[in-house]
């Protein structure tokens, strides 16, 4: 930052505010090692120090409703979507008694289409 002498105090305040914002953002940060099971088994680092924080290494992370696994597979994401879909379908079950067969088919097809 390049400022005149009389702007130094404002520059220090602006820098401090910016660093506080970065630190607040880092509290939401997740760290994950990506690699094969063989390579991941050789890592023993479970915490990563960043500024005044110590971030725990995760096996999975959720980003925009997609579950990312540390191993290159979609197993965790598929399990998460399946659990969510099964739960939502069970929530719809009481409504099926009140609907016609055609309305029930339409509702189930819309539900399944929403999952894909």
PDB file of N, CA and C in Angstrom:
ATOM      1  N   UNK A   1       0.838  -1.158   0.000  1.00  0.00           N
ATOM      2  CA  UNK A   1       0.000   0.000   0.000  1.00  0.00           C
ATOM      3  C   UNK A   1       0.889   1.229   0.000  1.00  0.00           C
ATOM      4  N   UNK A   2       0.652   2.101  -0.888  1.00  0.00           N
ATOM      5  CA  UNK A   2       1.439   3.335  -0.953  1.00  0.00           C
ATOM      6  C   UNK A   2       0.516   4.500  -0.603  1.00  0.00           C
ATOM      7  N   UNK A   3       0.846   5.177   0.518  1.00  0.00           N
ATOM      8  CA  UNK A   3       0.009   6.297   0.969  1.00  0.00           C
ATOM      9  C   UNK A   3       0.913   7.442   1.422  1.00  0.00           C
ATOM     10  N   UNK A   4       0.400   8.654   1.401  1.00  0.00           N
ATOM     11  CA  UNK A   4       1.174   9.760   1.961  1.00  0.00           C
ATOM     12  C   UNK A   4       1.250   9.624   3.487  1.00  0.00           C
ATOM     13  N   UNK A   5       2.157  10.314   4.100  1.00  0.00           N
ATOM     14  CA  UNK A   5       2.383  10.210   5.543  1.00  0.00           C
ATOM     15  C   UNK A   5       1.102  10.468   6.329  1.00  0.00           C
ATOM     16  N   UNK A   6       0.330  11.463   5.919  1.00  0.00           N
ATOM     17  CA  UNK A   6      -0.883  11.781   6.683  1.00  0.00           C
ATOM     18  C   UNK A   6      -1.992  10.729   6.478  1.00  0.00           C
ATOM     19  N   UNK A   7      -1.798   9.796   5.566  1.00  0.00           N
ATOM     20  CA  UNK A   7      -2.782   8.731   5.362  1.00  0.00           C
ATOM     21  C   UNK A   7      -2.347   7.403   5.961  1.00  0.00           C
ATOM     22  N   UNK A   8      -1.220   7.394   6.668  1.00  0.00           N
ATOM     23  CA  UNK A   8      -0.681   6.146   7.213  1.00  0.00           C
ATOM     24  C   UNK A   8      -1.627   5.515   8.238  1.00  0.00           C
ATOM     25  N   UNK A   9      -2.215   6.333   9.109  1.00  0.00           N
ATOM     26  CA  UNK A   9      -3.117   5.791  10.140  1.00  0.00           C
ATOM     27  C   UNK A   9      -4.324   5.105   9.504  1.00  0.00           C
ATOM     28  N   UNK A  10      -4.899   5.709   8.482  1.00  0.00           N
ATOM     29  CA  UNK A  10      -6.047   5.113   7.788  1.00  0.00           C
ATOM     30  C   UNK A  10      -5.629   3.835   7.064  1.00  0.00           C
ATOM     31  N   UNK A  11      -4.408   3.820   6.513  1.00  0.00           N
ATOM     32  CA  UNK A  11      -3.922   2.630   5.819  1.00  0.00           C
ATOM     33  C   UNK A  11      -3.730   1.468   6.798  1.00  0.00           C
ATOM     34  N   UNK A  12      -3.215   1.744   7.990  1.00  0.00           N
ATOM     35  CA  UNK A  12      -3.028   0.705   9.006  1.00  0.00           C
ATOM     36  C   UNK A  12      -4.389   0.155   9.422  1.00  0.00           C
ATOM     37  N   UNK A  13      -5.361   1.033   9.628  1.00  0.00           N
ATOM     38  CA  UNK A  13      -6.713   0.590   9.992  1.00  0.00           C
ATOM     39  C   UNK A  13      -7.312  -0.275   8.882  1.00  0.00           C
ATOM     40  N   UNK A  14      -7.156   0.159   7.630  1.00  0.00           N
ATOM     41  CA  UNK A  14      -7.705  -0.592   6.499  1.00  0.00           C
ATOM     42  C   UNK A  14      -7.047  -1.972   6.391  1.00  0.00           C
ATOM     43  N   UNK A  15      -5.732  -2.038   6.579  1.00  0.00           N
ATOM     44  CA  UNK A  15      -5.018  -3.313   6.533  1.00  0.00           C
ATOM     45  C   UNK A  15      -5.473  -4.239   7.667  1.00  0.00           C
ATOM     46  N   UNK A  16      -5.618  -3.701   8.870  1.00  0.00           N
ATOM     47  CA  UNK A  16      -6.070  -4.500  10.011  1.00  0.00           C
ATOM     48  C   UNK A  16      -7.473  -5.049   9.777  1.00  0.00           C
ATOM     49  N   UNK A  17      -8.350  -4.221   9.242  1.00  0.00           N
ATOM     50  CA  UNK A  17      -9.718  -4.648   8.943  1.00  0.00           C
ATOM     51  C   UNK A  17      -9.718  -5.756   7.894  1.00  0.00           C
ATOM     52  N   UNK A  18      -8.893  -5.587   6.887  1.00  0.00           N
ATOM     53  CA  UNK A  18      -8.795  -6.587   5.828  1.00  0.00           C
ATOM     54  C   UNK A  18      -8.303  -7.924   6.394  1.00  0.00           C
ATOM     55  N   UNK A  19      -7.297  -7.891   7.250  1.00  0.00           N
ATOM     56  CA  UNK A  19      -6.766  -9.124   7.838  1.00  0.00           C
ATOM     57  C   UNK A  19      -7.776  -9.798   8.763  1.00  0.00           C
ATOM     58  N   UNK A  20      -8.586  -9.002   9.475  1.00  0.00           N
ATOM     59  CA  UNK A  20      -9.648  -9.576  10.297  1.00  0.00           C
ATOM     60  C   UNK A  20     -10.686 -10.275   9.421  1.00  0.00           C
ATOM     61  N   UNK A  21     -10.999  -9.683   8.280  1.00  0.00           N
ATOM     62  CA  UNK A  21     -11.936 -10.305   7.332  1.00  0.00           C
ATOM     63  C   UNK A  21     -11.373 -11.622   6.800  1.00  0.00           C
ATOM     64  N   UNK A  22     -10.077 -11.637   6.489  1.00  0.00           N
ATOM     65  CA  UNK A  22      -9.436 -12.866   5.999  1.00  0.00           C
ATOM     66  C   UNK A  22      -9.486 -13.938   7.077  1.00  0.00           C
ATOM     67  N   UNK A  23      -9.196 -13.565   8.320  1.00  0.00           N
ATOM     68  CA  UNK A  23      -9.226 -14.537   9.406  1.00  0.00           C
ATOM     69  C   UNK A  23     -10.640 -15.083   9.622  1.00  0.00           C
ATOM     70  N   UNK A  24     -11.662 -14.222   9.532  1.00  0.00           N
ATOM     71  CA  UNK A  24     -13.050 -14.685   9.656  1.00  0.00           C
ATOM     72  C   UNK A  24     -13.397 -15.650   8.520  1.00  0.00           C
ATOM     73  N   UNK A  25     -12.931 -15.352   7.322  1.00  0.00           N
ATOM     74  CA  UNK A  25     -13.160 -16.235   6.178  1.00  0.00           C
ATOM     75  C   UNK A  25     -12.476 -17.581   6.391  1.00  0.00           C
ATOM     76  N   UNK A  26     -11.287 -17.562   6.991  1.00  0.00           N
ATOM     77  CA  UNK A  26     -10.543 -18.800   7.215  1.00  0.00           C
ATOM     78  C   UNK A  26     -11.228 -19.723   8.217  1.00  0.00           C
ATOM     79  N   UNK A  27     -12.079 -19.194   9.090  1.00  0.00           N
ATOM     80  CA  UNK A  27     -12.780 -20.059  10.044  1.00  0.00           C
ATOM     81  C   UNK A  27     -13.743 -20.996   9.318  1.00  0.00           C
ATOM     82  N   UNK A  28     -14.110 -20.658   8.082  1.00  0.00           N
ATOM     83  CA  UNK A  28     -14.997 -21.501   7.287  1.00  0.00           C
ATOM     84  C   UNK A  28     -14.220 -22.378   6.305  1.00  0.00           C
ATOM     85  N   UNK A  29     -12.912 -22.291   6.340  1.00  0.00           N
ATOM     86  CA  UNK A  29     -12.067 -23.028   5.404  1.00  0.00           C
ATOM     87  C   UNK A  29     -11.923 -24.477   5.849  1.00  0.00           C
ATOM     88  N   UNK A  30     -11.934 -25.379   4.882  1.00  0.00           N
ATOM     89  CA  UNK A  30     -11.692 -26.782   5.159  1.00  0.00           C
ATOM     90  C   UNK A  30     -10.453 -27.215   4.388  1.00  0.00           C
ATOM     91  N   UNK A  31      -9.695 -28.108   4.992  1.00  0.00           N
ATOM     92  CA  UNK A  31      -8.499 -28.652   4.365  1.00  0.00           C
ATOM     93  C   UNK A  31      -8.729 -30.144   4.154  1.00  0.00           C
ATOM     94  N   UNK A  32      -8.363 -30.619   2.966  1.00  0.00           N
ATOM     95  CA  UNK A  32      -8.540 -32.036   2.662  1.00  0.00           C
ATOM     96  C   UNK A  32      -7.380 -32.472   1.775  1.00  0.00           C
ATOM     97  N   UNK A  33      -6.801 -33.618   2.100  1.00  0.00           N
ATOM     98  CA  UNK A  33      -5.783 -34.207   1.241  1.00  0.00           C
ATOM     99  C   UNK A  33      -6.505 -35.020   0.173  1.00  0.00           C
ATOM    100  N   UNK A  34      -6.068 -34.915  -1.074  1.00  0.00           N
ATOM    101  CA  UNK A  34      -6.642 -35.683  -2.172  1.00  0.00           C
ATOM    102  C   UNK A  34      -5.596 -36.656  -2.694  1.00  0.00           C
ATOM    103  N   UNK A  35      -5.993 -37.913  -2.915  1.00  0.00           N
ATOM    104  CA  UNK A  35      -5.062 -38.890  -3.448  1.00  0.00           C
ATOM    105  C   UNK A  35      -5.582 -40.306  -3.274  1.00  0.00           C
ATOM    106  N   UNK A  36      -4.777 -41.258  -3.657  1.00  0.00           N
ATOM    107  CA  UNK A  36      -5.163 -42.661  -3.526  1.00  0.00           C
ATOM    108  C   UNK A  36      -5.130 -43.055  -2.050  1.00  0.00           C
ATOM    109  N   UNK A  37      -5.810 -44.131  -1.722  1.00  0.00           N
ATOM    110  CA  UNK A  37      -5.843 -44.607  -0.342  1.00  0.00           C
ATOM    111  C   UNK A  37      -4.438 -44.937   0.147  1.00  0.00           C
ATOM    112  N   UNK A  38      -3.614 -45.492  -0.733  1.00  0.00           N
ATOM    113  CA  UNK A  38      -2.233 -45.832  -0.369  1.00  0.00           C
ATOM    114  C   UNK A  38      -1.442 -44.578   0.017  1.00  0.00           C
ATOM    115  N   UNK A  39      -1.532 -43.534  -0.799  1.00  0.00           N
ATOM    116  CA  UNK A  39      -0.799 -42.295  -0.493  1.00  0.00           C
ATOM    117  C   UNK A  39      -1.360 -41.606   0.745  1.00  0.00           C
ATOM    118  N   UNK A  40      -2.682 -41.583   0.874  1.00  0.00           N
ATOM    119  CA  UNK A  40      -3.290 -40.915   2.025  1.00  0.00           C
ATOM    120  C   UNK A  40      -2.938 -41.615   3.331  1.00  0.00           C
ATOM    121  N   UNK A  41      -2.765 -42.918   3.295  1.00  0.00           N
ATOM    122  CA  UNK A  41      -2.414 -43.656   4.512  1.00  0.00           C
ATOM    123  C   UNK A  41      -1.003 -43.294   5.008  1.00  0.00           C
ATOM    124  N   UNK A  42      -0.184 -42.746   4.135  1.00  0.00           N
ATOM    125  CA  UNK A  42       1.183 -42.366   4.512  1.00  0.00           C
ATOM    126  C   UNK A  42       1.247 -40.971   5.130  1.00  0.00           C
ATOM    127  N   UNK A  43       0.150 -40.208   5.055  1.00  0.00           N
ATOM    128  CA  UNK A  43       0.124 -38.866   5.638  1.00  0.00           C
ATOM    129  C   UNK A  43      -0.296 -38.930   7.092  1.00  0.00           C
ATOM    130  N   UNK A  44       0.415 -38.195   7.950  1.00  0.00           N
ATOM    131  CA  UNK A  44       0.029 -38.161   9.357  1.00  0.00           C
ATOM    132  C   UNK A  44      -0.257 -36.736   9.843  1.00  0.00           C
ATOM    133  N   UNK A  45      -0.439 -35.816   8.937  1.00  0.00           N
ATOM    134  CA  UNK A  45      -0.760 -34.428   9.293  1.00  0.00           C
ATOM    135  C   UNK A  45      -2.277 -34.313   9.411  1.00  0.00           C
ATOM    136  N   UNK A  46      -2.775 -34.032  10.619  1.00  0.00           N
ATOM    137  CA  UNK A  46      -4.221 -33.945  10.828  1.00  0.00           C
ATOM    138  C   UNK A  46      -4.694 -32.522  11.118  1.00  0.00           C
ATOM    139  N   UNK A  47      -3.750 -31.604  11.391  1.00  0.00           N
ATOM    140  CA  UNK A  47      -4.083 -30.200  11.614  1.00  0.00           C
ATOM    141  C   UNK A  47      -3.131 -29.326  10.801  1.00  0.00           C
ATOM    142  N   UNK A  48      -3.671 -28.246  10.223  1.00  0.00           N
ATOM    143  CA  UNK A  48      -2.866 -27.316   9.446  1.00  0.00           C
ATOM    144  C   UNK A  48      -2.968 -25.941  10.102  1.00  0.00           C
ATOM    145  N   UNK A  49      -1.862 -25.412  10.621  1.00  0.00           N
ATOM    146  CA  UNK A  49      -1.918 -24.083  11.235  1.00  0.00           C
ATOM    147  C   UNK A  49      -1.926 -22.981  10.163  1.00  0.00           C
ATOM    148  N   UNK A  50      -2.911 -22.094  10.255  1.00  0.00           N
ATOM    149  CA  UNK A  50      -3.008 -20.947   9.354  1.00  0.00           C
ATOM    150  C   UNK A  50      -3.311 -19.729  10.215  1.00  0.00           C
ATOM    151  N   UNK A  51      -2.392 -18.768  10.216  1.00  0.00           N
ATOM    152  CA  UNK A  51      -2.481 -17.589  11.091  1.00  0.00           C
ATOM    153  C   UNK A  51      -2.687 -18.055  12.522  1.00  0.00           C
ATOM    154  N   UNK A  52      -3.734 -17.582  13.204  1.00  0.00           N
ATOM    155  CA  UNK A  52      -3.951 -17.988  14.594  1.00  0.00           C
ATOM    156  C   UNK A  52      -4.874 -19.195  14.695  1.00  0.00           C
ATOM    157  N   UNK A  53      -5.240 -19.776  13.571  1.00  0.00           N
ATOM    158  CA  UNK A  53      -6.166 -20.909  13.558  1.00  0.00           C
ATOM    159  C   UNK A  53      -5.424 -22.219  13.352  1.00  0.00           C
ATOM    160  N   UNK A  54      -6.056 -23.297  13.781  1.00  0.00           N
ATOM    161  CA  UNK A  54      -5.538 -24.640  13.534  1.00  0.00           C
ATOM    162  C   UNK A  54      -6.688 -25.418  12.891  1.00  0.00           C
ATOM    163  N   UNK A  55      -6.591 -25.658  11.593  1.00  0.00           N
ATOM    164  CA  UNK A  55      -7.682 -26.257  10.833  1.00  0.00           C
ATOM    165  C   UNK A  55      -7.465 -27.753  10.725  1.00  0.00           C
ATOM    166  N   UNK A  56      -8.499 -28.514  11.109  1.00  0.00           N
ATOM    167  CA  UNK A  56      -8.438 -29.983  11.075  1.00  0.00           C
ATOM    168  C   UNK A  56      -8.643 -30.469   9.644  1.00  0.00           C
ATOM    169  N   UNK A  57      -7.835 -31.438   9.235  1.00  0.00           N
ATOM    170  CA  UNK A  57      -7.946 -32.027   7.902  1.00  0.00           C
ATOM    171  C   UNK A  57      -9.202 -32.907   7.872  1.00  0.00           C
ATOM    172  N   UNK A  58     -10.022 -32.745   6.844  1.00  0.00           N
ATOM    173  CA  UNK A  58     -11.282 -33.469   6.696  1.00  0.00           C
ATOM    174  C   UNK A  58     -11.147 -34.584   5.661  1.00  0.00           C
ATOM    175  N   UNK A  59     -11.969 -35.625   5.794  1.00  0.00           N
ATOM    176  CA  UNK A  59     -12.027 -36.686   4.785  1.00  0.00           C
ATOM    177  C   UNK A  59     -12.996 -36.324   3.669  1.00  0.00           C
ATOM    178  N   UNK A  60     -14.032 -35.544   4.022  1.00  0.00           N
ATOM    179  CA  UNK A  60     -15.021 -35.117   3.028  1.00  0.00           C
ATOM    180  C   UNK A  60     -15.332 -33.644   3.250  1.00  0.00           C
ATOM    181  N   UNK A  61     -15.826 -33.007   2.196  1.00  0.00           N
ATOM    182  CA  UNK A  61     -16.263 -31.616   2.281  1.00  0.00           C
ATOM    183  C   UNK A  61     -17.474 -31.443   1.388  1.00  0.00           C
ATOM    184  N   UNK A  62     -18.360 -30.542   1.775  1.00  0.00           N
ATOM    185  CA  UNK A  62     -19.552 -30.256   0.980  1.00  0.00           C
ATOM    186  C   UNK A  62     -19.374 -28.881   0.355  1.00  0.00           C
ATOM    187  N   UNK A  63     -19.562 -28.834  -0.960  1.00  0.00           N
ATOM    188  CA  UNK A  63     -19.459 -27.572  -1.689  1.00  0.00           C
ATOM    189  C   UNK A  63     -20.571 -27.527  -2.729  1.00  0.00           C
ATOM    190  N   UNK A  64     -21.462 -26.560  -2.595  1.00  0.00           N
ATOM    191  CA  UNK A  64     -22.593 -26.421  -3.512  1.00  0.00           C
ATOM    192  C   UNK A  64     -23.382 -27.719  -3.630  1.00  0.00           C
ATOM    193  N   UNK A  65     -23.670 -28.336  -2.496  1.00  0.00           N
ATOM    194  CA  UNK A  65     -24.466 -29.563  -2.382  1.00  0.00           C
ATOM    195  C   UNK A  65     -23.778 -30.800  -2.959  1.00  0.00           C
ATOM    196  N   UNK A  66     -22.503 -30.706  -3.295  1.00  0.00           N
ATOM    197  CA  UNK A  66     -21.752 -31.862  -3.770  1.00  0.00           C
ATOM    198  C   UNK A  66     -20.778 -32.264  -2.661  1.00  0.00           C
ATOM    199  N   UNK A  67     -20.798 -33.532  -2.300  1.00  0.00           N
ATOM    200  CA  UNK A  67     -19.878 -34.035  -1.280  1.00  0.00           C
ATOM    201  C   UNK A  67     -18.615 -34.497  -1.989  1.00  0.00           C
ATOM    202  N   UNK A  68     -17.498 -33.889  -1.621  1.00  0.00           N
ATOM    203  CA  UNK A  68     -16.206 -34.224  -2.214  1.00  0.00           C
ATOM    204  C   UNK A  68     -15.469 -35.134  -1.233  1.00  0.00           C
ATOM    205  N   UNK A  69     -14.985 -36.241  -1.740  1.00  0.00           N
ATOM    206  CA  UNK A  69     -14.289 -37.234  -0.935  1.00  0.00           C
ATOM    207  C   UNK A  69     -12.787 -37.078  -1.157  1.00  0.00           C
ATOM    208  N   UNK A  70     -11.986 -37.382  -0.133  1.00  0.00           N
ATOM    209  CA  UNK A  70     -10.532 -37.251  -0.269  1.00  0.00           C
ATOM    210  C   UNK A  70      -9.952 -38.248  -1.264  1.00  0.00           C
ATOM    211  N   UNK A  71     -10.628 -39.385  -1.446  1.00  0.00           N
ATOM    212  CA  UNK A  71     -10.218 -40.344  -2.473  1.00  0.00           C
ATOM    213  C   UNK A  71     -11.029 -40.060  -3.732  1.00  0.00           C
ATOM    214  N   UNK A  72     -10.456 -40.241  -4.896  1.00  0.00           N
ATOM    215  CA  UNK A  72     -11.176 -39.904  -6.137  1.00  0.00           C
ATOM    216  C   UNK A  72     -12.327 -40.873  -6.416  1.00  0.00           C
ATOM    217  N   UNK A  73     -13.445 -40.664  -5.707  1.00  0.00           N
ATOM    218  CA  UNK A  73     -14.639 -41.475  -5.916  1.00  0.00           C
ATOM    219  C   UNK A  73     -15.858 -40.616  -5.608  1.00  0.00           C
ATOM    220  N   UNK A  74     -17.007 -41.080  -5.995  1.00  0.00           N
ATOM    221  CA  UNK A  74     -18.239 -40.358  -5.706  1.00  0.00           C
ATOM    222  C   UNK A  74     -19.050 -41.062  -4.630  1.00  0.00           C
ATOM    223  N   UNK A  75     -18.455 -41.985  -3.910  1.00  0.00           N
ATOM    224  CA  UNK A  75     -19.166 -42.783  -2.915  1.00  0.00           C
ATOM    225  C   UNK A  75     -19.893 -41.949  -1.878  1.00  0.00           C
ATOM    226  N   UNK A  76     -19.206 -40.983  -1.278  1.00  0.00           N
ATOM    227  CA  UNK A  76     -19.835 -40.152  -0.254  1.00  0.00           C
ATOM    228  C   UNK A  76     -20.956 -39.303  -0.840  1.00  0.00           C
ATOM    229  N   UNK A  77     -20.754 -38.767  -2.033  1.00  0.00           N
ATOM    230  CA  UNK A  77     -21.787 -37.934  -2.654  1.00  0.00           C
ATOM    231  C   UNK A  77     -23.029 -38.769  -2.974  1.00  0.00           C
ATOM    232  N   UNK A  78     -22.836 -39.950  -3.535  1.00  0.00           N
ATOM    233  CA  UNK A  78     -23.969 -40.820  -3.869  1.00  0.00           C
ATOM    234  C   UNK A  78     -24.719 -41.207  -2.594  1.00  0.00           C
ATOM    235  N   UNK A  79     -24.006 -41.530  -1.540  1.00  0.00           N
ATOM    236  CA  UNK A  79     -24.648 -41.884  -0.273  1.00  0.00           C
ATOM    237  C   UNK A  79     -25.439 -40.707   0.283  1.00  0.00           C
ATOM    238  N   UNK A  80     -24.886 -39.513   0.187  1.00  0.00           N
ATOM    239  CA  UNK A  80     -25.568 -38.319   0.684  1.00  0.00           C
ATOM    240  C   UNK A  80     -26.841 -38.038  -0.095  1.00  0.00           C
ATOM    241  N   UNK A  81     -26.771 -38.117  -1.424  1.00  0.00           N
ATOM    242  CA  UNK A  81     -27.954 -37.878  -2.256  1.00  0.00           C
ATOM    243  C   UNK A  81     -29.001 -38.952  -1.994  1.00  0.00           C
ATOM    244  N   UNK A  82     -28.582 -40.185  -1.830  1.00  0.00           N
ATOM    245  CA  UNK A  82     -29.517 -41.286  -1.552  1.00  0.00           C
ATOM    246  C   UNK A  82     -30.229 -41.076  -0.222  1.00  0.00           C
ATOM    247  N   UNK A  83     -29.480 -40.707   0.808  1.00  0.00           N
ATOM    248  CA  UNK A  83     -30.090 -40.455   2.121  1.00  0.00           C
ATOM    249  C   UNK A  83     -31.109 -39.328   2.037  1.00  0.00           C
ATOM    250  N   UNK A  84     -30.720 -38.252   1.382  1.00  0.00           N
ATOM    251  CA  UNK A  84     -31.612 -37.104   1.251  1.00  0.00           C
ATOM    252  C   UNK A  84     -32.860 -37.457   0.453  1.00  0.00           C
ATOM    253  N   UNK A  85     -32.695 -38.165  -0.655  1.00  0.00           N
ATOM    254  CA  UNK A  85     -33.829 -38.552  -1.485  1.00  0.00           C
ATOM    255  C   UNK A  85     -34.776 -39.482  -0.751  1.00  0.00           C
ATOM    256  N   UNK A  86     -34.241 -40.441  -0.027  1.00  0.00           N
ATOM    257  CA  UNK A  86     -35.069 -41.379   0.724  1.00  0.00           C
ATOM    258  C   UNK A  86     -35.871 -40.630   1.794  1.00  0.00           C
ATOM    259  N   UNK A  87     -35.223 -39.707   2.482  1.00  0.00           N
ATOM    260  CA  UNK A  87     -35.906 -38.916   3.506  1.00  0.00           C
ATOM    261  C   UNK A  87     -37.048 -38.105   2.881  1.00  0.00           C
ATOM    262  N   UNK A  88     -36.757 -37.417   1.772  1.00  0.00           N
ATOM    263  CA  UNK A  88     -37.788 -36.597   1.127  1.00  0.00           C
ATOM    264  C   UNK A  88     -38.941 -37.457   0.621  1.00  0.00           C
ATOM    265  N   UNK A  89     -38.643 -38.619   0.083  1.00  0.00           N
ATOM    266  CA  UNK A  89     -39.686 -39.516  -0.414  1.00  0.00           C
ATOM    267  C   UNK A  89     -40.576 -39.994   0.732  1.00  0.00           C
ATOM    268  N   UNK A  90     -39.966 -40.286   1.867  1.00  0.00           N
ATOM    269  CA  UNK A  90     -40.771 -40.695   3.044  1.00  0.00           C
ATOM    270  C   UNK A  90     -41.660 -39.559   3.523  1.00  0.00           C
ATOM    271  N   UNK A  91     -41.212 -38.313   3.354  1.00  0.00           N
ATOM    272  CA  UNK A  91     -42.046 -37.171   3.739  1.00  0.00           C
ATOM    273  C   UNK A  91     -43.270 -37.043   2.837  1.00  0.00           C
ATOM    274  N   UNK A  92     -43.152 -37.516   1.591  1.00  0.00           N
ATOM    275  CA  UNK A  92     -44.265 -37.440   0.639  1.00  0.00           C
ATOM    276  C   UNK A  92     -45.280 -38.569   0.827  1.00  0.00           C
ATOM    277  N   UNK A  93     -44.891 -39.660   1.476  1.00  0.00           N
ATOM    278  CA  UNK A  93     -45.744 -40.841   1.565  1.00  0.00           C
ATOM    279  C   UNK A  93     -47.162 -40.543   2.079  1.00  0.00           C
ATOM    280  N   UNK A  94     -47.367 -39.749   3.133  1.00  0.00           N
ATOM    281  CA  UNK A  94     -48.736 -39.493   3.595  1.00  0.00           C
ATOM    282  C   UNK A  94     -49.615 -38.809   2.543  1.00  0.00           C
ATOM    283  N   UNK A  95     -49.004 -38.070   1.630  1.00  0.00           N
ATOM    284  CA  UNK A  95     -49.775 -37.373   0.598  1.00  0.00           C
ATOM    285  C   UNK A  95     -50.318 -38.330  -0.453  1.00  0.00           C
ATOM    286  N   UNK A  96     -49.673 -39.476  -0.643  1.00  0.00           N
ATOM    287  CA  UNK A  96     -50.080 -40.399  -1.703  1.00  0.00           C
ATOM    288  C   UNK A  96     -51.508 -40.912  -1.515  1.00  0.00           C
ATOM    289  N   UNK A  97     -51.964 -41.020  -0.269  1.00  0.00           N
ATOM    290  CA  UNK A  97     -53.319 -41.508  -0.006  1.00  0.00           C
ATOM    291  C   UNK A  97     -54.376 -40.527  -0.499  1.00  0.00           C
ATOM    292  N   UNK A  98     -54.030 -39.255  -0.576  1.00  0.00           N
ATOM    293  CA  UNK A  98     -54.985 -38.213  -0.971  1.00  0.00           C
ATOM    294  C   UNK A  98     -54.966 -37.937  -2.469  1.00  0.00           C
ATOM    295  N   UNK A  99     -54.031 -38.502  -3.202  1.00  0.00           N
ATOM    296  CA  UNK A  99     -53.868 -38.184  -4.617  1.00  0.00           C
ATOM    297  C   UNK A  99     -54.359 -39.321  -5.507  1.00  0.00           C
ATOM    298  N   UNK A 100     -54.738 -38.954  -6.714  1.00  0.00           N
ATOM    299  CA  UNK A 100     -55.089 -39.974  -7.696  1.00  0.00           C
ATOM    300  C   UNK A 100     -53.816 -40.676  -8.164  1.00  0.00           C
ATOM    301  N   UNK A 101     -53.993 -41.791  -8.876  1.00  0.00           N
ATOM    302  CA  UNK A 101     -52.826 -42.526  -9.375  1.00  0.00           C
ATOM    303  C   UNK A 101     -52.001 -41.671 -10.329  1.00  0.00           C
ATOM    304  N   UNK A 102     -52.675 -40.931 -11.218  1.00  0.00           N
ATOM    305  CA  UNK A 102     -51.943 -40.075 -12.171  1.00  0.00           C
ATOM    306  C   UNK A 102     -51.185 -38.962 -11.449  1.00  0.00           C
ATOM    307  N   UNK A 103     -51.814 -38.359 -10.457  1.00  0.00           N
ATOM    308  CA  UNK A 103     -51.149 -37.294  -9.697  1.00  0.00           C
ATOM    309  C   UNK A 103     -49.955 -37.854  -8.923  1.00  0.00           C
ATOM    310  N   UNK A 104     -50.105 -39.060  -8.389  1.00  0.00           N
ATOM    311  CA  UNK A 104     -49.003 -39.699  -7.662  1.00  0.00           C
ATOM    312  C   UNK A 104     -47.831 -39.974  -8.599  1.00  0.00           C
ATOM    313  N   UNK A 105     -48.128 -40.506  -9.791  1.00  0.00           N
ATOM    314  CA  UNK A 105     -47.064 -40.766 -10.777  1.00  0.00           C
ATOM    315  C   UNK A 105     -46.347 -39.472 -11.150  1.00  0.00           C
ATOM    316  N   UNK A 106     -47.116 -38.424 -11.379  1.00  0.00           N
ATOM    317  CA  UNK A 106     -46.524 -37.130 -11.751  1.00  0.00           C
ATOM    318  C   UNK A 106     -45.635 -36.610 -10.637  1.00  0.00           C
ATOM    319  N   UNK A 107     -46.103 -36.709  -9.386  1.00  0.00           N
ATOM    320  CA  UNK A 107     -45.320 -36.235  -8.242  1.00  0.00           C
ATOM    321  C   UNK A 107     -44.021 -37.019  -8.092  1.00  0.00           C
ATOM    322  N   UNK A 108     -44.080 -38.334  -8.210  1.00  0.00           N
ATOM    323  CA  UNK A 108     -42.872 -39.164  -8.080  1.00  0.00           C
ATOM    324  C   UNK A 108     -41.904 -38.871  -9.227  1.00  0.00           C
ATOM    325  N   UNK A 109     -42.414 -38.721 -10.449  1.00  0.00           N
ATOM    326  CA  UNK A 109     -41.540 -38.418 -11.585  1.00  0.00           C
ATOM    327  C   UNK A 109     -40.879 -37.045 -11.413  1.00  0.00           C
ATOM    328  N   UNK A 110     -41.628 -36.069 -10.921  1.00  0.00           N
ATOM    329  CA  UNK A 110     -41.044 -34.746 -10.680  1.00  0.00           C
ATOM    330  C   UNK A 110     -39.986 -34.820  -9.579  1.00  0.00           C
ATOM    331  N   UNK A 111     -40.265 -35.602  -8.558  1.00  0.00           N
ATOM    332  CA  UNK A 111     -39.309 -35.776  -7.471  1.00  0.00           C
ATOM    333  C   UNK A 111     -38.010 -36.393  -7.968  1.00  0.00           C
ATOM    334  N   UNK A 112     -38.121 -37.475  -8.735  1.00  0.00           N
ATOM    335  CA  UNK A 112     -36.940 -38.148  -9.257  1.00  0.00           C
ATOM    336  C   UNK A 112     -36.192 -37.236 -10.231  1.00  0.00           C
ATOM    337  N   UNK A 113     -36.920 -36.524 -11.072  1.00  0.00           N
ATOM    338  CA  UNK A 113     -36.271 -35.578 -11.986  1.00  0.00           C
ATOM    339  C   UNK A 113     -35.519 -34.485 -11.246  1.00  0.00           C
ATOM    340  N   UNK A 114     -36.029 -34.069 -10.077  1.00  0.00           N
ATOM    341  CA  UNK A 114     -35.341 -33.068  -9.279  1.00  0.00           C
ATOM    342  C   UNK A 114     -34.049 -33.568  -8.665  1.00  0.00           C
ATOM    343  N   UNK A 115     -33.947 -34.876  -8.447  1.00  0.00           N
ATOM    344  CA  UNK A 115     -32.725 -35.455  -7.889  1.00  0.00           C
ATOM    345  C   UNK A 115     -31.620 -35.551  -8.918  1.00  0.00           C
ATOM    346  N   UNK A 116     -31.992 -35.678 -10.200  1.00  0.00           N
ATOM    347  CA  UNK A 116     -30.983 -35.895 -11.236  1.00  0.00           C
ATOM    348  C   UNK A 116     -30.342 -34.629 -11.683  1.00  0.00           C
TER     349      UNK A 116
END
